Amino acid sequence: MMGIWGKVIGSFAGFAVGGPLGALLGAVAGHAVDRIRVEQTALGGNGDLPPQLADGARQAAFTVAVIVLGAKMAKVDGTVNRVEIEAFKQVFQVPPEEMRNVGRIFDMAKRDAGGFEPYARQVASLFRDEPTLLEELLAGLFHIAQADGAVKPAELAYLRKVADIFGLDKRAFERVHAMFAGRAEPDAYDVLGVNRAATSDEIKAVYRRLIRENHPDTLVAKGMPQEFVDVANQRMAAINAAYDRIREERRVP
């Protein structure tokens, strides 16, 4: 079974999505599409692209969106350093055979820090009914931003703009920000996005909702690429740790 990178680089999923994401993908996909046609013919097929790849359109959009928005964010402070590139590779488990193609998309996108808005608007439209996926995408961008030790002011401003375009409210943004604020132990209430005045029962309800919504299996079923699961697992761990600290503080069983 072909993974998300085969879908992104070697299928028409990006063209099915259309818009700026599809256009950027189209700039690097042609030779890979030809390669897959040759491989299919060698296996006894008629050379057409496998029709099941169209099912990966949402995953392809999600993946290309993080490549593009991550590349533009890495450039926003004026430089793209190796640490940020390595962090990008951590967010995605990019197989060696696809590194060159992914690098081409990344290089095209990082030419300048401007022009990210159309990509952010398109992915916001594609996932308008899945705010948790948009929050996960934002978390991936934060992961890249803090790779060199801290999220710089210019990067934080960029991320706020992306979150605004995504339609994420202030509480959702602060919840993600708290996990990547550079503190050894982020504020537990910020991580859960709850007020300190909330009752223990209210906090438990929020915690259960977050665990349900952010479970990697749930997110993959909704369109998040399997290769992005590591970031989702980090978020789950942070949510669990935050709730445990609140329970300990309040001496709630």
Protein backbone atom coordinates (compact mmCIF):
# COMPACT_ATOMS: atom_id res chain seq x y z
CA MET A 1 0.00 0.00 0.00
CA MET A 2 1.36 3.37 -0.98
CA GLY A 3 2.01 5.82 1.88
CA ILE A 4 1.09 9.48 1.96
CA TRP A 5 4.31 10.54 0.25
CA GLY A 6 3.46 8.41 -2.76
CA LYS A 7 0.02 10.03 -2.81
CA VAL A 8 1.41 13.54 -2.49
CA ILE A 9 4.23 13.26 -4.97
CA GLY A 10 2.98 10.58 -7.33
CA SER A 11 -0.75 11.03 -7.85
CA PHE A 12 -3.34 13.52 -9.03
CA ALA A 13 -4.58 14.03 -5.47
CA GLY A 14 -3.13 17.53 -5.46
CA PHE A 15 -4.81 18.42 -8.72
CA ALA A 16 -8.12 17.13 -7.38
CA VAL A 17 -7.70 19.53 -4.47
CA GLY A 18 -6.87 22.35 -6.87
CA GLY A 19 -6.14 25.89 -5.74
CA PRO A 20 -2.71 27.09 -4.59
CA LEU A 21 -1.87 23.76 -2.90
CA GLY A 22 -2.59 21.80 -6.07
CA ALA A 23 -0.73 24.29 -8.22
CA LEU A 24 2.41 24.05 -6.11
CA LEU A 25 2.25 20.28 -6.06
CA GLY A 26 1.75 20.21 -9.81
CA ALA A 27 5.08 21.98 -10.26
CA VAL A 28 6.95 18.95 -8.92
CA ALA A 29 4.62 16.01 -9.56
CA GLY A 30 4.82 15.49 -13.32
CA HIS A 31 7.88 13.25 -13.50
CA ALA A 32 6.68 11.19 -10.54
CA VAL A 33 3.29 10.66 -12.17
CA ASP A 34 5.06 9.40 -15.27
CA ARG A 35 7.15 7.06 -13.12
CA ILE A 36 4.09 5.53 -11.49
CA ARG A 37 2.45 4.99 -14.89
CA VAL A 38 5.54 3.06 -16.00
CA GLU A 39 5.52 0.98 -12.81
CA GLN A 40 1.83 0.17 -13.18
CA THR A 41 2.33 -0.90 -16.80
CA ALA A 42 5.22 -3.15 -15.79
CA LEU A 43 2.88 -4.84 -13.30
CA GLY A 44 0.42 -5.64 -16.05
CA GLY A 45 -1.78 -2.57 -15.73
CA ASN A 46 -2.82 -0.19 -18.47
CA GLY A 47 -0.65 2.69 -17.28
CA ASP A 48 -3.46 4.64 -15.63
CA LEU A 49 -2.96 6.06 -12.16
CA PRO A 50 -4.46 3.84 -9.43
CA PRO A 51 -7.97 5.23 -8.79
CA GLN A 52 -7.77 4.63 -5.03
CA LEU A 53 -5.14 7.37 -4.76
CA ALA A 54 -7.89 9.96 -5.18
CA ASP A 55 -9.02 9.02 -1.67
CA GLY A 56 -5.82 10.62 -0.39
CA ALA A 57 -6.74 14.12 -1.54
CA ARG A 58 -7.45 15.41 1.97
CA GLN A 59 -4.27 13.83 3.32
CA ALA A 60 -2.31 15.27 0.42
CA ALA A 61 -3.74 18.73 1.12
CA PHE A 62 -2.91 18.42 4.81
CA THR A 63 0.65 17.31 4.09
CA VAL A 64 1.42 19.92 1.44
CA ALA A 65 -0.10 22.60 3.69
CA VAL A 66 2.37 21.81 6.47
CA ILE A 67 5.27 21.72 4.01
CA VAL A 68 4.32 25.12 2.59
CA LEU A 69 3.36 26.85 5.83
CA GLY A 70 6.35 25.34 7.64
CA ALA A 71 8.75 26.50 4.93
CA LYS A 72 7.34 30.03 4.93
CA MET A 73 7.48 30.19 8.72
CA ALA A 74 11.09 28.99 8.74
CA LYS A 75 11.89 31.93 6.45
CA VAL A 76 9.94 34.55 8.41
CA ASP A 77 12.87 35.40 10.71
CA GLY A 78 15.16 35.82 7.71
CA THR A 79 17.02 32.52 7.77
CA VAL A 80 16.30 28.83 7.41
CA ASN A 81 18.70 26.83 9.57
CA ARG A 82 19.49 23.14 9.67
CA VAL A 83 17.76 22.67 13.04
CA GLU A 84 14.45 23.81 11.57
CA ILE A 85 14.88 21.52 8.59
CA GLU A 86 15.60 18.59 10.90
CA ALA A 87 12.50 19.46 12.93
CA PHE A 88 10.49 19.40 9.73
CA LYS A 89 11.82 15.91 9.01
CA GLN A 90 10.75 14.87 12.53
CA VAL A 91 7.20 16.09 11.96
CA PHE A 92 7.12 13.99 8.79
CA GLN A 93 8.73 10.60 8.52
CA VAL A 94 10.00 11.36 5.04
CA PRO A 95 11.41 8.25 3.34
CA PRO A 96 14.83 8.76 1.70
CA GLU A 97 13.47 8.12 -1.78
CA GLU A 98 11.01 11.02 -1.45
CA MET A 99 13.34 13.50 0.30
CA ARG A 100 14.33 15.19 -2.95
CA ASN A 101 10.73 15.75 -4.05
CA VAL A 102 9.67 17.04 -0.64
CA GLY A 103 12.73 19.27 -0.64
CA ARG A 104 11.66 20.78 -3.95
CA ILE A 105 8.26 21.75 -2.52
CA PHE A 106 9.93 23.12 0.61
CA ASP A 107 12.44 25.14 -1.44
CA MET A 108 9.72 26.63 -3.66
CA ALA A 109 7.69 27.68 -0.64
CA LYS A 110 10.51 29.23 1.38
CA ARG A 111 11.57 31.73 -1.25
CA ASP A 112 9.94 34.41 0.87
CA ALA A 113 7.83 34.70 4.01
CA GLY A 114 4.95 36.38 2.20
CA GLY A 115 2.12 34.80 0.34
CA PHE A 116 1.21 32.18 2.93
CA GLU A 117 -2.36 33.43 3.30
CA PRO A 118 -3.86 31.71 0.22
CA TYR A 119 -2.51 28.34 1.37
CA ALA A 120 -3.79 28.86 4.91
CA ARG A 121 -7.22 29.92 3.59
CA GLN A 122 -7.47 26.89 1.34
CA VAL A 123 -6.63 24.39 4.06
CA ALA A 124 -9.02 26.20 6.42
CA SER A 125 -11.76 25.71 3.84
CA LEU A 126 -10.89 22.06 3.25
CA PHE A 127 -11.00 21.29 6.99
CA ARG A 128 -13.58 23.83 8.13
CA ASP A 129 -15.59 21.06 9.80
CA GLU A 130 -12.52 19.55 11.49
CA PRO A 131 -11.05 22.24 13.79
CA THR A 132 -9.08 19.61 15.71
CA LEU A 133 -7.12 18.77 12.54
CA LEU A 134 -6.35 22.45 12.06
CA GLU A 135 -5.16 22.61 15.65
CA GLU A 136 -2.90 19.61 15.02
CA LEU A 137 -1.51 21.30 11.92
CA LEU A 138 -0.78 24.40 14.03
CA ALA A 139 0.98 22.17 16.58
CA GLY A 140 3.22 20.80 13.83
CA LEU A 141 4.18 24.34 12.87
CA PHE A 142 4.95 25.18 16.51
CA HIS A 143 7.15 22.07 16.66
CA ILE A 144 9.20 23.40 13.75
CA ALA A 145 9.31 26.94 15.18
CA GLN A 146 10.71 25.93 18.58
CA ALA A 147 13.28 23.52 17.15
CA ASP A 148 16.11 26.02 17.68
CA GLY A 149 15.24 26.54 21.35
CA ALA A 150 12.40 29.05 21.37
CA VAL A 151 9.57 30.40 19.24
CA LYS A 152 10.79 33.79 18.07
CA PRO A 153 8.48 36.84 18.12
CA ALA A 154 8.25 36.95 14.32
CA GLU A 155 7.37 33.26 14.22
CA LEU A 156 4.77 33.68 16.95
CA ALA A 157 3.16 36.56 15.04
CA TYR A 158 3.11 34.39 11.91
CA LEU A 159 1.50 31.51 13.81
CA ARG A 160 -1.16 33.82 15.24
CA LYS A 161 -2.05 34.93 11.71
CA VAL A 162 -2.26 31.33 10.55
CA ALA A 163 -4.49 30.44 13.52
CA ASP A 164 -6.75 33.41 12.74
CA ILE A 165 -7.14 32.28 9.13
CA PHE A 166 -7.86 28.76 10.37
CA GLY A 167 -10.67 30.20 12.50
CA LEU A 168 -9.15 28.89 15.73
CA ASP A 169 -10.19 30.89 18.77
CA LYS A 170 -7.80 32.42 21.31
CA ARG A 171 -8.20 29.51 23.72
CA ALA A 172 -7.25 26.95 21.06
CA PHE A 173 -4.21 28.99 20.06
CA GLU A 174 -3.05 29.40 23.65
CA ARG A 175 -3.56 25.68 24.27
CA VAL A 176 -1.09 24.83 21.49
CA HIS A 177 1.23 27.70 22.40
CA ALA A 178 1.45 26.49 26.01
CA MET A 179 2.83 23.15 24.85
CA PHE A 180 5.69 24.83 22.97
CA ALA A 181 6.34 27.88 25.16
CA GLY A 182 9.82 26.70 26.11
CA ARG A 183 8.98 26.16 29.76
CA ALA A 184 10.03 22.89 31.37
CA GLU A 185 6.47 22.42 32.59
CA PRO A 186 3.80 24.43 30.74
CA ASP A 187 0.81 25.77 32.64
CA ALA A 188 -1.61 22.84 32.95
CA TYR A 189 -4.69 25.04 32.69
CA ASP A 190 -3.42 26.65 29.50
CA VAL A 191 -2.70 23.23 27.98
CA LEU A 192 -6.30 22.16 28.56
CA GLY A 193 -7.63 25.58 27.64
CA VAL A 194 -9.61 25.94 30.86
CA ASN A 195 -10.02 28.70 33.42
CA ARG A 196 -8.56 28.20 36.87
CA ALA A 197 -11.98 29.00 38.28
CA ALA A 198 -13.54 26.02 36.47
CA THR A 199 -14.85 23.20 38.65
CA SER A 200 -13.11 19.83 38.71
CA ASP A 201 -16.08 18.29 36.91
CA GLU A 202 -15.89 20.94 34.18
CA ILE A 203 -12.17 20.34 33.76
CA LYS A 204 -12.71 16.58 33.58
CA ALA A 205 -15.30 17.08 30.83
CA VAL A 206 -12.88 19.23 28.81
CA TYR A 207 -10.09 16.72 29.34
CA ARG A 208 -12.23 13.82 28.11
CA ARG A 209 -13.31 15.79 25.06
CA LEU A 210 -9.72 16.69 24.19
CA ILE A 211 -8.56 13.09 24.56
CA ARG A 212 -11.42 11.90 22.37
CA GLU A 213 -10.85 14.54 19.69
CA ASN A 214 -7.05 14.31 19.66
CA HIS A 215 -6.67 10.55 19.63
CA PRO A 216 -4.39 9.71 16.69
CA ASP A 217 -6.76 7.05 15.33
CA THR A 218 -9.60 9.58 15.28
CA LEU A 219 -7.47 12.17 13.52
CA VAL A 220 -6.15 9.74 10.89
CA ALA A 221 -9.73 8.64 10.17
CA LYS A 222 -10.62 12.29 9.54
CA GLY A 223 -7.76 12.91 7.11
CA MET A 224 -4.55 13.41 9.05
CA PRO A 225 -1.65 11.49 7.47
CA GLN A 226 -0.34 8.51 9.44
CA GLU A 227 3.12 10.07 9.23
CA PHE A 228 1.88 12.92 11.43
CA VAL A 229 0.92 10.65 14.33
CA ASP A 230 4.07 11.42 16.36
CA VAL A 231 2.97 15.04 16.81
CA ALA A 232 -0.52 13.90 17.79
CA ASN A 233 0.98 11.53 20.35
CA GLN A 234 3.01 14.39 21.83
CA ARG A 235 -0.17 16.43 22.17
CA MET A 236 -1.95 13.53 23.85
CA ALA A 237 0.93 13.13 26.29
CA ALA A 238 0.87 16.85 27.11
CA ILE A 239 -2.90 16.78 27.67
CA ASN A 240 -2.63 13.75 29.96
CA ALA A 241 0.25 15.27 31.92
CA ALA A 242 -1.61 18.56 32.36
CA TYR A 243 -4.73 16.85 33.66
CA ASP A 244 -2.66 14.73 36.07
CA ARG A 245 -1.02 17.88 37.49
CA ILE A 246 -4.40 19.55 38.00
CA ARG A 247 -5.77 16.46 39.72
CA GLU A 248 -2.75 16.33 41.98
CA GLU A 249 -3.01 20.04 42.76
CA ARG A 250 -6.72 19.73 43.59
CA ARG A 251 -6.32 16.32 45.21
CA VAL A 252 -8.99 14.93 42.96
CA PRO A 253 -9.01 11.10 42.63
